[in-house]
Structure formats: structure tokens, C-alpha cells
Amino acid sequence: MKKIVVLISGTGTNLQALIDACAAGRINARVAAVISNQASALGLERAKTAQIPTALFIRRDFADHAAMDQAIGDYIEKIGADLIVLAGYMKILSKGFVTRFAGKILNIHPSLLPKYKGLNTYQQVLDAGDSEHGASVHFVTPELDGGAVILQAKVPIFPGDDISDIEARVKTQELQIYPLVVKWFIDGRLQEIQGKAYLDGKLLPENGYADE
């Protein structure tokens, strides 16, 4: 069975969705380990409940960022992971790490990329007065939130909405689309080729398989 390693920093809601999908047989793989850079991450407890090995890598324990990413990469290689999933991992991965695992790292970002890369996307979308927001699953490249988009989900923004309203809508969509994309990858349907995303051998549009 193929192996997935998940990197987290927080509550691990997307991690839980992946654990559940694997347990139910919707994804033909297992979460082989959960890695965090935060000892207080609730997601570590989710992993332990599911009897999944966990590992903690703290920046202060390493000479620099690159050394930490090297150690994480070595740990992942020992496991023999087929896929690395970033699920709320709030640390930018080094170019060396991304290059080492090119085409095998997925991330989910709370915006309709290429709009609103980086942090505070909910505030940005409110400040801009947009009528919609959403989430994007993409391959990870050295450029922050710049990898090929695989799948997007849109949600409306209604008059009077605040950040928590929009975030709740987006999170609901995240929990649906992330396991689906992971399944595509595990089933061999999804590939990254020369920086582009392909599904079933066909080049995906700039906004991914679907953007509605």
C-alpha cells in the first residue's frame, strides 16, 4: 500500500479528512507519518488517536532552515513516502527540499490562486470587496503558492460576511477537494510534468480541473 506523509502546524482538520478517507478505502493508501513543527499542534493528537507515528521538528534544534528541511527529508525518505501532503504547515519549505521531492508535494491554499498568495487571504478578499473566495489544491514549487493548480472550489461572499463566515465556507470545501486530489495522485491519474499538472495524461487548465 502506498504511503502518505502529512506535514502540519495546527488543528489538522485536513489531516483528519485524509485519515478518514484512507480508513474508509476512498484513498488506497495509508498515512504513514505526521510531521509537525509545533509541539502544541492539535493535529498530532489526531494522528496519535489513529495510531499514526508522529515526528516533531523544531527550528531551534537545527543550525538553519536548510538543515531542518534536510532532516525532515531524510525522515520522509526512510519511510519511503509516495506523497507528501502539506495540511496547514505554516513554514515555507526550502528550495532544496522542494527540489528533492519535486512532483510529490501537494498543498492546499485558501484562495483562488493565483489571487492572494501567502497569508491573510480572508482579510485580503474582504478588503478587495470580492464576491467570491475559495481554495486551491496545487503542486508545491520553490515559488510560494506558485505551483500548478490542480483543483479549485469557489464559495460566495455575502453582504455582511466576516472572516469567520467565509473561512467556514472555504473549510467545508477544502475537506472535500483535498482527499479527492490525493486520491487522483495515489491512483496514478495525477502528475506534474515540467511544472504543469496533468490528469489522465491531459494538461489541466490554469485554474485546475474545475473552478466552480
N, C-alpha and C. Protein backbone atom coordinates (compact mmCIF):
# COMPACT_ATOMS: atom_id res chain seq x y z
N MET A 1 0.84 -1.20 0.00
CA MET A 1 0.00 0.00 0.00
C MET A 1 0.87 1.25 0.00
N LYS A 2 0.47 2.24 -0.77
CA LYS A 2 1.26 3.47 -0.86
C LYS A 2 1.21 4.25 0.45
N LYS A 3 2.24 5.08 0.64
CA LYS A 3 2.39 5.80 1.91
C LYS A 3 2.33 7.31 1.69
N ILE A 4 1.60 7.95 2.59
CA ILE A 4 1.46 9.41 2.59
C ILE A 4 2.06 9.94 3.88
N VAL A 5 2.84 11.00 3.76
CA VAL A 5 3.32 11.72 4.94
C VAL A 5 2.68 13.10 4.93
N VAL A 6 2.12 13.50 6.07
CA VAL A 6 1.41 14.77 6.17
C VAL A 6 2.18 15.71 7.10
N LEU A 7 2.36 16.95 6.65
CA LEU A 7 3.03 17.98 7.45
C LEU A 7 1.98 18.97 7.95
N ILE A 8 2.00 19.25 9.24
CA ILE A 8 1.01 20.13 9.85
C ILE A 8 1.67 21.11 10.82
N SER A 9 0.92 22.16 11.14
CA SER A 9 1.34 23.08 12.20
C SER A 9 0.23 23.36 13.19
N GLY A 10 -1.01 22.97 12.85
CA GLY A 10 -2.15 23.38 13.67
C GLY A 10 -3.14 22.28 13.97
N THR A 11 -4.42 22.59 13.76
CA THR A 11 -5.50 21.72 14.23
C THR A 11 -5.63 20.41 13.47
N GLY A 12 -5.20 20.39 12.22
CA GLY A 12 -5.20 19.14 11.48
C GLY A 12 -6.56 18.71 10.95
N THR A 13 -7.42 19.65 10.60
CA THR A 13 -8.73 19.26 10.06
C THR A 13 -8.60 18.57 8.70
N ASN A 14 -7.71 19.08 7.84
CA ASN A 14 -7.49 18.41 6.56
C ASN A 14 -6.78 17.08 6.75
N LEU A 15 -5.90 17.00 7.73
CA LEU A 15 -5.28 15.72 8.08
C LEU A 15 -6.36 14.71 8.44
N GLN A 16 -7.33 15.11 9.27
CA GLN A 16 -8.39 14.20 9.69
C GLN A 16 -9.20 13.71 8.49
N ALA A 17 -9.45 14.61 7.55
CA ALA A 17 -10.19 14.21 6.35
C ALA A 17 -9.43 13.15 5.57
N LEU A 18 -8.11 13.27 5.52
CA LEU A 18 -7.29 12.27 4.82
C LEU A 18 -7.26 10.95 5.59
N ILE A 19 -7.12 11.03 6.90
CA ILE A 19 -7.15 9.82 7.72
C ILE A 19 -8.46 9.07 7.51
N ASP A 20 -9.55 9.81 7.54
CA ASP A 20 -10.88 9.19 7.38
C ASP A 20 -11.04 8.58 5.99
N ALA A 21 -10.55 9.28 4.97
CA ALA A 21 -10.69 8.78 3.60
C ALA A 21 -9.87 7.51 3.39
N CYS A 22 -8.70 7.46 3.99
CA CYS A 22 -7.87 6.24 3.90
C CYS A 22 -8.53 5.09 4.65
N ALA A 23 -9.04 5.38 5.83
CA ALA A 23 -9.68 4.33 6.65
C ALA A 23 -10.91 3.76 5.96
N ALA A 24 -11.62 4.61 5.22
CA ALA A 24 -12.84 4.17 4.55
C ALA A 24 -12.56 3.51 3.20
N GLY A 25 -11.29 3.53 2.78
CA GLY A 25 -10.96 2.92 1.50
C GLY A 25 -11.16 3.83 0.30
N ARG A 26 -11.49 5.09 0.55
CA ARG A 26 -11.67 6.03 -0.57
C ARG A 26 -10.32 6.42 -1.17
N ILE A 27 -9.28 6.37 -0.36
CA ILE A 27 -7.91 6.56 -0.84
C ILE A 27 -7.16 5.26 -0.56
N ASN A 28 -6.60 4.69 -1.61
CA ASN A 28 -5.92 3.40 -1.48
C ASN A 28 -4.48 3.60 -1.01
N ALA A 29 -4.35 4.13 0.19
CA ALA A 29 -3.04 4.42 0.78
C ALA A 29 -3.24 4.54 2.28
N ARG A 30 -2.13 4.73 2.99
CA ARG A 30 -2.23 4.99 4.42
C ARG A 30 -1.37 6.19 4.77
N VAL A 31 -1.80 6.91 5.79
CA VAL A 31 -0.97 7.99 6.31
C VAL A 31 0.10 7.33 7.17
N ALA A 32 1.34 7.34 6.69
CA ALA A 32 2.42 6.60 7.33
C ALA A 32 3.06 7.38 8.46
N ALA A 33 2.94 8.72 8.42
CA ALA A 33 3.51 9.55 9.48
C ALA A 33 2.95 10.95 9.38
N VAL A 34 2.92 11.62 10.52
CA VAL A 34 2.53 13.03 10.58
C VAL A 34 3.69 13.80 11.20
N ILE A 35 4.12 14.84 10.52
CA ILE A 35 5.23 15.67 10.95
C ILE A 35 4.71 17.05 11.31
N SER A 36 5.21 17.61 12.40
CA SER A 36 4.83 18.96 12.78
C SER A 36 6.05 19.76 13.22
N ASN A 37 5.94 21.07 13.06
CA ASN A 37 6.97 21.99 13.57
C ASN A 37 6.47 22.71 14.82
N GLN A 38 5.30 22.27 15.33
CA GLN A 38 4.72 22.88 16.53
C GLN A 38 4.31 21.77 17.50
N ALA A 39 4.92 21.79 18.68
CA ALA A 39 4.62 20.74 19.67
C ALA A 39 3.17 20.78 20.12
N SER A 40 2.54 21.95 20.06
CA SER A 40 1.16 22.11 20.53
C SER A 40 0.11 21.82 19.46
N ALA A 41 0.53 21.41 18.28
CA ALA A 41 -0.42 21.19 17.18
C ALA A 41 -1.44 20.11 17.54
N LEU A 42 -2.71 20.46 17.48
CA LEU A 42 -3.78 19.51 17.78
C LEU A 42 -3.75 18.33 16.82
N GLY A 43 -3.26 18.57 15.62
CA GLY A 43 -3.19 17.50 14.64
C GLY A 43 -2.34 16.33 15.09
N LEU A 44 -1.37 16.56 15.96
CA LEU A 44 -0.57 15.47 16.49
C LEU A 44 -1.43 14.52 17.31
N GLU A 45 -2.39 15.06 18.05
CA GLU A 45 -3.31 14.22 18.82
C GLU A 45 -4.22 13.43 17.90
N ARG A 46 -4.63 14.03 16.80
CA ARG A 46 -5.44 13.30 15.83
C ARG A 46 -4.67 12.09 15.29
N ALA A 47 -3.39 12.31 15.01
CA ALA A 47 -2.55 11.23 14.50
C ALA A 47 -2.40 10.12 15.53
N LYS A 48 -2.14 10.51 16.77
CA LYS A 48 -1.97 9.51 17.82
C LYS A 48 -3.24 8.69 18.04
N THR A 49 -4.39 9.37 17.96
CA THR A 49 -5.67 8.66 18.09
C THR A 49 -5.83 7.61 17.01
N ALA A 50 -5.32 7.94 15.81
CA ALA A 50 -5.40 7.00 14.69
C ALA A 50 -4.21 6.04 14.65
N GLN A 51 -3.37 6.09 15.69
CA GLN A 51 -2.19 5.22 15.80
C GLN A 51 -1.22 5.40 14.64
N ILE A 52 -1.05 6.67 14.26
CA ILE A 52 -0.11 7.04 13.20
C ILE A 52 1.15 7.62 13.85
N PRO A 53 2.33 7.16 13.46
CA PRO A 53 3.56 7.71 14.03
C PRO A 53 3.67 9.22 13.78
N THR A 54 4.22 9.93 14.76
CA THR A 54 4.40 11.37 14.63
C THR A 54 5.87 11.73 14.85
N ALA A 55 6.25 12.87 14.29
CA ALA A 55 7.61 13.37 14.47
C ALA A 55 7.55 14.88 14.60
N LEU A 56 8.38 15.42 15.47
CA LEU A 56 8.42 16.85 15.74
C LEU A 56 9.78 17.41 15.33
N PHE A 57 9.76 18.42 14.50
CA PHE A 57 10.99 19.09 14.08
C PHE A 57 10.85 20.57 14.41
N ILE A 58 11.65 21.05 15.36
CA ILE A 58 11.58 22.42 15.84
C ILE A 58 12.78 23.20 15.30
N ARG A 59 12.53 24.38 14.79
CA ARG A 59 13.59 25.16 14.15
C ARG A 59 14.79 25.40 15.05
N ARG A 60 14.57 25.66 16.33
CA ARG A 60 15.68 25.98 17.23
C ARG A 60 16.64 24.80 17.43
N ASP A 61 16.21 23.61 17.07
CA ASP A 61 17.05 22.43 17.23
C ASP A 61 18.04 22.24 16.07
N PHE A 62 17.98 23.13 15.10
CA PHE A 62 18.82 22.99 13.90
C PHE A 62 19.60 24.27 13.64
N ALA A 63 20.71 24.13 12.95
CA ALA A 63 21.58 25.28 12.68
C ALA A 63 20.88 26.32 11.81
N ASP A 64 20.09 25.86 10.87
CA ASP A 64 19.37 26.78 9.99
C ASP A 64 18.17 26.05 9.37
N HIS A 65 17.42 26.81 8.58
CA HIS A 65 16.22 26.29 7.94
C HIS A 65 16.55 25.10 7.03
N ALA A 66 17.63 25.23 6.28
CA ALA A 66 18.00 24.17 5.34
C ALA A 66 18.33 22.88 6.07
N ALA A 67 18.98 22.99 7.22
CA ALA A 67 19.33 21.79 7.99
C ALA A 67 18.08 21.10 8.52
N MET A 68 17.10 21.89 8.93
CA MET A 68 15.85 21.31 9.41
C MET A 68 15.13 20.58 8.27
N ASP A 69 15.05 21.22 7.11
CA ASP A 69 14.39 20.59 5.97
C ASP A 69 15.14 19.34 5.51
N GLN A 70 16.46 19.35 5.63
CA GLN A 70 17.25 18.17 5.28
C GLN A 70 16.87 17.00 6.20
N ALA A 71 16.74 17.29 7.49
CA ALA A 71 16.38 16.25 8.45
C ALA A 71 14.97 15.72 8.19
N ILE A 72 14.05 16.63 7.89
CA ILE A 72 12.68 16.20 7.58
C ILE A 72 12.69 15.32 6.33
N GLY A 73 13.45 15.75 5.33
CA GLY A 73 13.53 14.98 4.10
C GLY A 73 14.12 13.60 4.32
N ASP A 74 15.14 13.51 5.16
CA ASP A 74 15.75 12.21 5.46
C ASP A 74 14.74 11.29 6.15
N TYR A 75 13.96 11.86 7.06
CA TYR A 75 12.93 11.09 7.77
C TYR A 75 11.89 10.56 6.77
N ILE A 76 11.48 11.43 5.86
CA ILE A 76 10.47 11.04 4.87
C ILE A 76 11.02 9.95 3.95
N GLU A 77 12.27 10.07 3.56
CA GLU A 77 12.87 9.06 2.67
C GLU A 77 12.97 7.70 3.35
N LYS A 78 13.27 7.70 4.64
CA LYS A 78 13.34 6.43 5.37
C LYS A 78 11.99 5.73 5.39
N ILE A 79 10.94 6.52 5.47
CA ILE A 79 9.59 5.96 5.45
C ILE A 79 9.25 5.40 4.07
N GLY A 80 9.82 6.01 3.04
CA GLY A 80 9.51 5.60 1.68
C GLY A 80 8.19 6.17 1.20
N ALA A 81 7.95 7.43 1.53
CA ALA A 81 6.67 8.06 1.19
C ALA A 81 6.50 8.22 -0.32
N ASP A 82 5.29 7.95 -0.77
CA ASP A 82 4.94 8.17 -2.17
C ASP A 82 4.43 9.58 -2.41
N LEU A 83 3.93 10.21 -1.35
CA LEU A 83 3.34 11.54 -1.47
C LEU A 83 3.51 12.30 -0.16
N ILE A 84 3.81 13.59 -0.29
CA ILE A 84 3.90 14.49 0.86
C ILE A 84 2.75 15.49 0.75
N VAL A 85 1.97 15.58 1.80
CA VAL A 85 0.80 16.46 1.81
C VAL A 85 0.99 17.54 2.88
N LEU A 86 0.95 18.80 2.47
CA LEU A 86 1.01 19.91 3.40
C LEU A 86 -0.42 20.25 3.80
N ALA A 87 -0.69 20.16 5.09
CA ALA A 87 -2.06 20.39 5.59
C ALA A 87 -1.99 21.41 6.71
N GLY A 88 -1.88 22.68 6.33
CA GLY A 88 -1.73 23.72 7.33
C GLY A 88 -0.33 23.76 7.91
N TYR A 89 0.67 23.47 7.09
CA TYR A 89 2.06 23.54 7.53
C TYR A 89 2.55 24.97 7.32
N MET A 90 2.69 25.71 8.42
CA MET A 90 2.93 27.15 8.34
C MET A 90 4.41 27.49 8.34
N LYS A 91 5.12 26.85 7.45
CA LYS A 91 6.55 27.15 7.29
C LYS A 91 6.89 26.94 5.83
N ILE A 92 7.58 27.91 5.24
CA ILE A 92 7.95 27.80 3.84
C ILE A 92 9.06 26.77 3.70
N LEU A 93 8.87 25.82 2.82
CA LEU A 93 9.87 24.78 2.59
C LEU A 93 11.02 25.33 1.76
N SER A 94 12.22 24.88 2.06
CA SER A 94 13.40 25.35 1.34
C SER A 94 13.38 24.84 -0.10
N LYS A 95 14.11 25.56 -0.94
CA LYS A 95 14.20 25.15 -2.35
C LYS A 95 14.79 23.75 -2.47
N GLY A 96 15.76 23.45 -1.61
CA GLY A 96 16.38 22.13 -1.65
C GLY A 96 15.40 21.01 -1.37
N PHE A 97 14.52 21.23 -0.39
CA PHE A 97 13.53 20.22 -0.04
C PHE A 97 12.54 20.03 -1.19
N VAL A 98 12.05 21.14 -1.72
CA VAL A 98 11.06 21.07 -2.80
C VAL A 98 11.65 20.40 -4.03
N THR A 99 12.88 20.71 -4.34
CA THR A 99 13.55 20.09 -5.49
C THR A 99 13.75 18.60 -5.26
N ARG A 100 14.10 18.24 -4.03
CA ARG A 100 14.34 16.83 -3.67
C ARG A 100 13.11 15.98 -3.90
N PHE A 101 11.92 16.55 -3.63
CA PHE A 101 10.67 15.79 -3.74
C PHE A 101 9.75 16.38 -4.82
N ALA A 102 10.34 16.92 -5.85
CA ALA A 102 9.57 17.56 -6.92
C ALA A 102 8.52 16.62 -7.49
N GLY A 103 7.32 17.17 -7.65
CA GLY A 103 6.22 16.39 -8.21
C GLY A 103 5.54 15.46 -7.23
N LYS A 104 5.99 15.51 -5.95
CA LYS A 104 5.42 14.61 -4.94
C LYS A 104 4.89 15.38 -3.73
N ILE A 105 4.76 16.71 -3.85
CA ILE A 105 4.29 17.52 -2.72
C ILE A 105 3.03 18.28 -3.14
N LEU A 106 1.98 18.13 -2.34
CA LEU A 106 0.73 18.86 -2.56
C LEU A 106 0.49 19.84 -1.42
N ASN A 107 -0.18 20.93 -1.74
CA ASN A 107 -0.59 21.91 -0.73
C ASN A 107 -2.00 22.38 -1.04
N ILE A 108 -2.70 22.83 -0.01
CA ILE A 108 -4.00 23.46 -0.20
C ILE A 108 -3.91 24.87 0.35
N HIS A 109 -4.37 25.83 -0.45
CA HIS A 109 -4.24 27.24 -0.09
C HIS A 109 -5.62 27.89 -0.11
N PRO A 110 -5.95 28.69 0.92
CA PRO A 110 -7.28 29.30 0.98
C PRO A 110 -7.43 30.56 0.13
N SER A 111 -7.34 30.36 -1.17
CA SER A 111 -7.67 31.42 -2.12
C SER A 111 -7.84 30.79 -3.48
N LEU A 112 -8.36 31.57 -4.40
CA LEU A 112 -8.49 31.12 -5.78
C LEU A 112 -7.22 31.57 -6.51
N LEU A 113 -6.18 30.78 -6.35
CA LEU A 113 -4.89 31.13 -6.97
C LEU A 113 -5.06 31.35 -8.48
N PRO A 114 -4.33 32.31 -9.04
CA PRO A 114 -3.16 32.99 -8.48
C PRO A 114 -3.47 34.21 -7.59
N LYS A 115 -4.73 34.45 -7.27
CA LYS A 115 -5.05 35.57 -6.38
C LYS A 115 -4.67 35.24 -4.94
N TYR A 116 -4.20 36.27 -4.24
CA TYR A 116 -3.99 36.22 -2.78
C TYR A 116 -3.08 35.08 -2.32
N LYS A 117 -1.86 35.11 -2.81
CA LYS A 117 -0.86 34.17 -2.31
C LYS A 117 -0.44 34.58 -0.91
N GLY A 118 0.13 33.65 -0.16
CA GLY A 118 0.63 33.98 1.17
C GLY A 118 -0.45 33.98 2.23
N LEU A 119 -0.24 34.81 3.26
CA LEU A 119 -1.09 34.80 4.44
C LEU A 119 -2.26 35.78 4.34
N ASN A 120 -3.19 35.65 5.30
CA ASN A 120 -4.30 36.61 5.50
C ASN A 120 -5.18 36.74 4.26
N THR A 121 -5.48 35.64 3.61
CA THR A 121 -6.27 35.72 2.38
C THR A 121 -7.70 36.18 2.64
N TYR A 122 -8.24 35.84 3.81
CA TYR A 122 -9.63 36.21 4.08
C TYR A 122 -9.76 37.72 4.25
N GLN A 123 -8.82 38.31 4.94
CA GLN A 123 -8.83 39.76 5.09
C GLN A 123 -8.61 40.44 3.74
N GLN A 124 -7.72 39.87 2.95
CA GLN A 124 -7.44 40.45 1.64
C GLN A 124 -8.68 40.45 0.75
N VAL A 125 -9.42 39.35 0.78
CA VAL A 125 -10.58 39.25 -0.10
C VAL A 125 -11.69 40.19 0.36
N LEU A 126 -11.82 40.38 1.68
CA LEU A 126 -12.79 41.34 2.19
C LEU A 126 -12.39 42.76 1.83
N ASP A 127 -11.12 43.07 2.00
CA ASP A 127 -10.64 44.42 1.68
C ASP A 127 -10.83 44.75 0.21
N ALA A 128 -10.72 43.72 -0.64
CA ALA A 128 -10.86 43.94 -2.08
C ALA A 128 -12.31 44.03 -2.52
N GLY A 129 -13.24 43.62 -1.65
CA GLY A 129 -14.66 43.65 -1.99
C GLY A 129 -15.07 42.59 -2.99
N ASP A 130 -14.35 41.47 -3.02
CA ASP A 130 -14.68 40.40 -3.97
C ASP A 130 -16.01 39.75 -3.62
N SER A 131 -16.61 39.13 -4.62
CA SER A 131 -17.90 38.46 -4.42
C SER A 131 -17.74 36.96 -4.20
N GLU A 132 -16.50 36.46 -4.31
CA GLU A 132 -16.27 35.04 -4.12
C GLU A 132 -14.86 34.81 -3.59
N HIS A 133 -14.69 33.67 -2.96
CA HIS A 133 -13.39 33.24 -2.46
C HIS A 133 -13.33 31.74 -2.66
N GLY A 134 -12.31 31.07 -2.12
CA GLY A 134 -12.26 29.64 -2.32
C GLY A 134 -10.95 29.04 -1.88
N ALA A 135 -10.70 27.83 -2.36
CA ALA A 135 -9.49 27.08 -2.02
C ALA A 135 -8.92 26.47 -3.28
N SER A 136 -7.60 26.31 -3.28
CA SER A 136 -6.89 25.72 -4.42
C SER A 136 -5.95 24.64 -3.93
N VAL A 137 -6.00 23.49 -4.55
CA VAL A 137 -5.00 22.44 -4.33
C VAL A 137 -3.98 22.54 -5.46
N HIS A 138 -2.70 22.55 -5.09
CA HIS A 138 -1.67 22.75 -6.11
C HIS A 138 -0.42 21.95 -5.77
N PHE A 139 0.39 21.71 -6.79
CA PHE A 139 1.71 21.15 -6.57
C PHE A 139 2.60 22.22 -5.95
N VAL A 140 3.53 21.80 -5.13
CA VAL A 140 4.43 22.73 -4.46
C VAL A 140 5.71 22.89 -5.28
N THR A 141 6.08 24.15 -5.49
CA THR A 141 7.32 24.52 -6.17
C THR A 141 8.06 25.51 -5.27
N PRO A 142 9.30 25.87 -5.62
CA PRO A 142 10.01 26.85 -4.80
C PRO A 142 9.31 28.20 -4.69
N GLU A 143 8.49 28.56 -5.68
CA GLU A 143 7.73 29.81 -5.61
C GLU A 143 6.54 29.64 -4.67
N LEU A 144 6.40 30.55 -3.70
CA LEU A 144 5.33 30.46 -2.71
C LEU A 144 3.96 30.43 -3.39
N ASP A 145 3.21 29.35 -3.13
CA ASP A 145 1.86 29.18 -3.68
C ASP A 145 1.84 29.37 -5.20
N GLY A 146 2.95 28.99 -5.83
CA GLY A 146 3.09 29.24 -7.26
C GLY A 146 3.04 28.00 -8.13
N GLY A 147 2.88 26.82 -7.54
CA GLY A 147 2.85 25.60 -8.32
C GLY A 147 1.57 25.42 -9.11
N ALA A 148 1.59 24.47 -10.03
CA ALA A 148 0.43 24.24 -10.90
C ALA A 148 -0.81 23.91 -10.08
N VAL A 149 -1.91 24.62 -10.39
CA VAL A 149 -3.18 24.38 -9.71
C VAL A 149 -3.83 23.12 -10.27
N ILE A 150 -4.34 22.29 -9.36
CA ILE A 150 -4.96 21.02 -9.76
C ILE A 150 -6.48 21.10 -9.68
N LEU A 151 -6.99 21.66 -8.59
CA LEU A 151 -8.44 21.73 -8.39
C LEU A 151 -8.76 22.91 -7.49
N GLN A 152 -9.82 23.64 -7.85
CA GLN A 152 -10.29 24.76 -7.04
C GLN A 152 -11.76 24.57 -6.68
N ALA A 153 -12.14 25.18 -5.56
CA ALA A 153 -13.55 25.23 -5.16
C ALA A 153 -13.88 26.65 -4.77
N LYS A 154 -14.98 27.17 -5.31
CA LYS A 154 -15.41 28.54 -5.03
C LYS A 154 -16.54 28.57 -4.02
N VAL A 155 -16.56 29.64 -3.23
CA VAL A 155 -17.69 29.91 -2.34
C VAL A 155 -18.10 31.37 -2.50
N PRO A 156 -19.38 31.69 -2.30
CA PRO A 156 -19.80 33.08 -2.41
C PRO A 156 -19.46 33.88 -1.15
N ILE A 157 -19.35 35.17 -1.34
CA ILE A 157 -19.22 36.09 -0.21
C ILE A 157 -20.49 36.94 -0.19
N PHE A 158 -21.20 36.90 0.93
CA PHE A 158 -22.46 37.62 1.04
C PHE A 158 -22.27 38.94 1.77
N PRO A 159 -23.13 39.92 1.52
CA PRO A 159 -23.05 41.19 2.26
C PRO A 159 -23.11 40.93 3.77
N GLY A 160 -22.23 41.57 4.49
CA GLY A 160 -22.21 41.41 5.94
C GLY A 160 -21.34 40.28 6.43
N ASP A 161 -20.78 39.48 5.52
CA ASP A 161 -19.89 38.39 5.93
C ASP A 161 -18.66 38.93 6.64
N ASP A 162 -18.21 38.19 7.64
CA ASP A 162 -16.91 38.49 8.24
C ASP A 162 -15.96 37.33 7.93
N ILE A 163 -14.75 37.42 8.44
CA ILE A 163 -13.73 36.42 8.13
C ILE A 163 -14.19 35.01 8.53
N SER A 164 -14.79 34.87 9.70
CA SER A 164 -15.20 33.54 10.17
C SER A 164 -16.27 32.93 9.26
N ASP A 165 -17.18 33.76 8.72
CA ASP A 165 -18.20 33.25 7.81
C ASP A 165 -17.57 32.65 6.55
N ILE A 166 -16.65 33.41 5.97
CA ILE A 166 -16.01 32.96 4.73
C ILE A 166 -15.11 31.76 4.99
N GLU A 167 -14.39 31.81 6.09
CA GLU A 167 -13.47 30.72 6.42
C GLU A 167 -14.22 29.41 6.60
N ALA A 168 -15.38 29.46 7.24
CA ALA A 168 -16.17 28.24 7.46
C ALA A 168 -16.61 27.64 6.13
N ARG A 169 -17.03 28.50 5.19
CA ARG A 169 -17.45 28.01 3.88
C ARG A 169 -16.28 27.39 3.12
N VAL A 170 -15.15 28.06 3.15
CA VAL A 170 -13.97 27.56 2.44
C VAL A 170 -13.49 26.24 3.04
N LYS A 171 -13.47 26.17 4.37
CA LYS A 171 -13.00 24.95 5.03
C LYS A 171 -13.86 23.74 4.64
N THR A 172 -15.15 23.94 4.55
CA THR A 172 -16.05 22.85 4.13
C THR A 172 -15.64 22.31 2.76
N GLN A 173 -15.28 23.22 1.87
CA GLN A 173 -14.86 22.80 0.53
C GLN A 173 -13.49 22.12 0.56
N GLU A 174 -12.60 22.65 1.38
CA GLU A 174 -11.26 22.04 1.49
C GLU A 174 -11.35 20.56 1.86
N LEU A 175 -12.23 20.27 2.81
CA LEU A 175 -12.35 18.89 3.30
C LEU A 175 -12.88 17.94 2.23
N GLN A 176 -13.46 18.51 1.17
CA GLN A 176 -13.95 17.69 0.06
C GLN A 176 -12.90 17.53 -1.04
N ILE A 177 -12.27 18.63 -1.40
CA ILE A 177 -11.41 18.58 -2.59
C ILE A 177 -10.02 18.02 -2.31
N TYR A 178 -9.51 18.19 -1.09
CA TYR A 178 -8.15 17.71 -0.83
C TYR A 178 -8.06 16.18 -0.88
N PRO A 179 -8.95 15.46 -0.21
CA PRO A 179 -8.89 14.00 -0.34
C PRO A 179 -9.08 13.52 -1.78
N LEU A 180 -9.89 14.23 -2.56
CA LEU A 180 -10.10 13.85 -3.95
C LEU A 180 -8.81 13.95 -4.75
N VAL A 181 -8.09 15.06 -4.59
CA VAL A 181 -6.84 15.24 -5.32
C VAL A 181 -5.79 14.22 -4.87
N VAL A 182 -5.74 13.96 -3.57
CA VAL A 182 -4.82 12.94 -3.07
C VAL A 182 -5.15 11.58 -3.69
N LYS A 183 -6.41 11.26 -3.80
CA LYS A 183 -6.83 10.01 -4.44
C LYS A 183 -6.35 9.97 -5.89
N TRP A 184 -6.52 11.07 -6.62
CA TRP A 184 -6.05 11.10 -8.01
C TRP A 184 -4.57 10.78 -8.10
N PHE A 185 -3.79 11.37 -7.19
CA PHE A 185 -2.35 11.14 -7.22
C PHE A 185 -2.01 9.69 -6.89
N ILE A 186 -2.60 9.18 -5.82
CA ILE A 186 -2.33 7.81 -5.39
C ILE A 186 -2.73 6.80 -6.47
N ASP A 187 -3.81 7.08 -7.17
CA ASP A 187 -4.29 6.18 -8.22
C ASP A 187 -3.48 6.29 -9.51
N GLY A 188 -2.48 7.20 -9.52
CA GLY A 188 -1.64 7.34 -10.70
C GLY A 188 -2.24 8.18 -11.81
N ARG A 189 -3.33 8.87 -11.50
CA ARG A 189 -4.00 9.68 -12.51
C ARG A 189 -3.40 11.09 -12.62
N LEU A 190 -2.79 11.56 -11.56
CA LEU A 190 -2.31 12.94 -11.48
C LEU A 190 -0.78 12.97 -11.51
N GLN A 191 -0.24 13.84 -12.36
CA GLN A 191 1.21 14.00 -12.45
C GLN A 191 1.57 15.47 -12.64
N GLU A 192 2.78 15.81 -12.20
CA GLU A 192 3.36 17.10 -12.53
C GLU A 192 4.47 16.86 -13.54
N ILE A 193 4.37 17.50 -14.70
CA ILE A 193 5.35 17.34 -15.77
C ILE A 193 5.81 18.72 -16.21
N GLN A 194 7.09 19.00 -16.02
CA GLN A 194 7.68 20.29 -16.41
C GLN A 194 6.86 21.46 -15.87
N GLY A 195 6.48 21.34 -14.59
CA GLY A 195 5.79 22.43 -13.93
C GLY A 195 4.31 22.54 -14.22
N LYS A 196 3.76 21.61 -14.98
CA LYS A 196 2.34 21.62 -15.32
C LYS A 196 1.65 20.42 -14.70
N ALA A 197 0.35 20.57 -14.40
CA ALA A 197 -0.43 19.48 -13.82
C ALA A 197 -1.19 18.75 -14.92
N TYR A 198 -1.09 17.42 -14.89
CA TYR A 198 -1.78 16.58 -15.87
C TYR A 198 -2.67 15.59 -15.14
N LEU A 199 -3.89 15.43 -15.62
CA LEU A 199 -4.82 14.44 -15.08
C LEU A 199 -5.21 13.50 -16.21
N ASP A 200 -5.00 12.22 -15.99
CA ASP A 200 -5.25 11.20 -17.02
C ASP A 200 -4.53 11.53 -18.32
N GLY A 201 -3.32 12.08 -18.18
CA GLY A 201 -2.50 12.40 -19.34
C GLY A 201 -2.86 13.67 -20.06
N LYS A 202 -3.83 14.42 -19.54
CA LYS A 202 -4.28 15.64 -20.20
C LYS A 202 -3.90 16.86 -19.37
N LEU A 203 -3.38 17.88 -20.02
CA LEU A 203 -2.97 19.11 -19.35
C LEU A 203 -4.18 19.80 -18.72
N LEU A 204 -4.10 20.11 -17.44
CA LEU A 204 -5.19 20.80 -16.77
C LEU A 204 -5.15 22.29 -17.07
N PRO A 205 -6.32 22.95 -17.09
CA PRO A 205 -6.36 24.40 -17.29
C PRO A 205 -5.61 25.13 -16.17
N GLU A 206 -5.35 26.40 -16.38
CA GLU A 206 -4.60 27.19 -15.40
C GLU A 206 -5.25 27.17 -14.03
N ASN A 207 -6.57 27.15 -13.98
CA ASN A 207 -7.28 27.13 -12.70
C ASN A 207 -7.62 25.72 -12.23
N GLY A 208 -7.06 24.72 -12.86
CA GLY A 208 -7.27 23.36 -12.42
C GLY A 208 -8.43 22.67 -13.12
N TYR A 209 -8.73 21.48 -12.61
CA TYR A 209 -9.77 20.64 -13.22
C TYR A 209 -11.13 21.31 -13.21
N ALA A 210 -11.44 21.99 -12.13
CA ALA A 210 -12.73 22.67 -12.02
C ALA A 210 -12.55 23.91 -11.17
N ASP A 211 -13.25 24.96 -11.50
CA ASP A 211 -13.12 26.18 -10.71
C ASP A 211 -14.48 26.72 -10.30
N GLU A 212 -15.44 25.83 -10.23
CA GLU A 212 -16.79 26.25 -9.79
C GLU A 212 -17.12 25.60 -8.45
